[in-house]
């Protein structure tokens, strides 16, 4: 496994564990546990996951440029026939 994938998985497990423990445990800082879990998901896990999935891909393939729109129109015409 790649290191970035392992780090993302560990951060995901830690964030989910923090959220669940904050919801289950009856301690004075339970709301902070839930908050840190949510912050961990959105500021650590999501960017790492996005980087891992988008690494090595060309962003222009996913943008609506004139060339891509022309390809889409051509594919629609071929599918209608």
Protein backbone atom coordinates (compact mmCIF):
# COMPACT_ATOMS: atom_id res chain seq x y z
CA UNK A 1 0.00 0.00 0.00
CA UNK A 2 1.08 3.55 -0.63
CA UNK A 3 2.01 5.71 2.38
CA UNK A 4 -0.53 8.43 1.55
CA UNK A 5 -3.29 5.82 1.48
CA UNK A 6 -2.25 4.46 4.86
CA UNK A 7 -2.07 7.94 6.40
CA UNK A 8 -5.50 8.79 5.00
CA UNK A 9 -6.98 5.58 6.37
CA UNK A 10 -5.47 6.11 9.83
CA UNK A 11 -6.70 9.72 9.94
CA UNK A 12 -10.17 8.57 8.86
CA UNK A 13 -10.32 5.91 11.57
CA UNK A 14 -9.08 8.39 14.21
CA UNK A 15 -11.67 11.00 13.17
CA UNK A 16 -14.55 8.53 13.16
CA UNK A 17 -13.42 7.09 16.50
CA UNK A 18 -13.30 10.60 17.96
CA UNK A 19 -16.82 11.36 16.73
CA UNK A 20 -18.25 8.08 18.00
CA UNK A 21 -16.53 8.33 21.37
CA UNK A 22 -17.74 11.89 21.75
CA UNK A 23 -21.31 10.79 21.10
CA UNK A 24 -21.20 7.71 23.32
CA UNK A 25 -19.11 8.78 26.31
CA UNK A 26 -20.58 10.99 29.00
CA UNK A 27 -17.59 13.21 29.75
CA UNK A 28 -17.20 16.95 30.03
CA UNK A 29 -15.31 17.37 26.74
CA UNK A 30 -17.49 15.09 24.59
CA UNK A 31 -18.52 17.96 22.30
CA UNK A 32 -14.87 18.78 21.69
CA UNK A 33 -14.22 15.18 20.65
CA UNK A 34 -17.00 15.37 18.10
CA UNK A 35 -15.73 18.74 16.88
CA UNK A 36 -12.15 17.55 16.50
CA UNK A 37 -13.40 14.49 14.63
CA UNK A 38 -15.36 16.61 12.18
CA UNK A 39 -12.46 19.04 11.73
CA UNK A 40 -10.14 16.09 11.15
CA UNK A 41 -12.43 14.72 8.46
CA UNK A 42 -12.76 17.99 6.58
CA UNK A 43 -9.30 19.48 7.03
CA UNK A 44 -7.15 16.34 6.95
CA UNK A 45 -8.93 13.31 5.50
CA UNK A 46 -10.79 14.93 2.62
CA UNK A 47 -7.77 16.85 1.22
CA UNK A 48 -5.52 13.79 1.53
CA UNK A 49 -8.11 11.60 -0.17
CA UNK A 50 -8.63 14.16 -2.94
CA UNK A 51 -4.89 14.43 -3.52
CA UNK A 52 -4.51 10.65 -3.63
CA UNK A 53 -7.36 10.22 -6.14
CA UNK A 54 -6.44 13.16 -8.42
CA UNK A 55 -2.67 12.63 -8.48
CA UNK A 56 -1.47 11.95 -12.02
CA UNK A 57 -4.71 12.98 -13.74
CA UNK A 58 -5.11 15.87 -16.14
CA UNK A 59 -7.63 18.42 -14.89
CA UNK A 60 -8.38 19.54 -18.45
CA UNK A 61 -10.09 16.20 -19.10
CA UNK A 62 -12.78 17.15 -16.57
CA UNK A 63 -13.31 20.80 -17.58
CA UNK A 64 -16.01 22.02 -19.94
CA UNK A 65 -13.83 23.36 -22.72
CA UNK A 66 -14.94 23.83 -26.33
CA UNK A 67 -13.16 20.64 -27.37
CA UNK A 68 -14.82 18.58 -24.65
CA UNK A 69 -18.24 20.04 -25.47
CA UNK A 70 -17.72 19.13 -29.13
CA UNK A 71 -16.80 15.57 -28.10
CA UNK A 72 -19.94 15.35 -25.96
CA UNK A 73 -22.13 16.54 -28.85
CA UNK A 74 -20.51 14.04 -31.21
CA UNK A 75 -21.10 11.21 -28.73
CA UNK A 76 -24.75 12.21 -28.32
CA UNK A 77 -25.26 12.19 -32.10
CA UNK A 78 -23.64 8.74 -32.36
CA UNK A 79 -25.83 7.36 -29.57
CA UNK A 80 -29.05 8.66 -31.17
CA UNK A 81 -28.37 6.93 -34.49
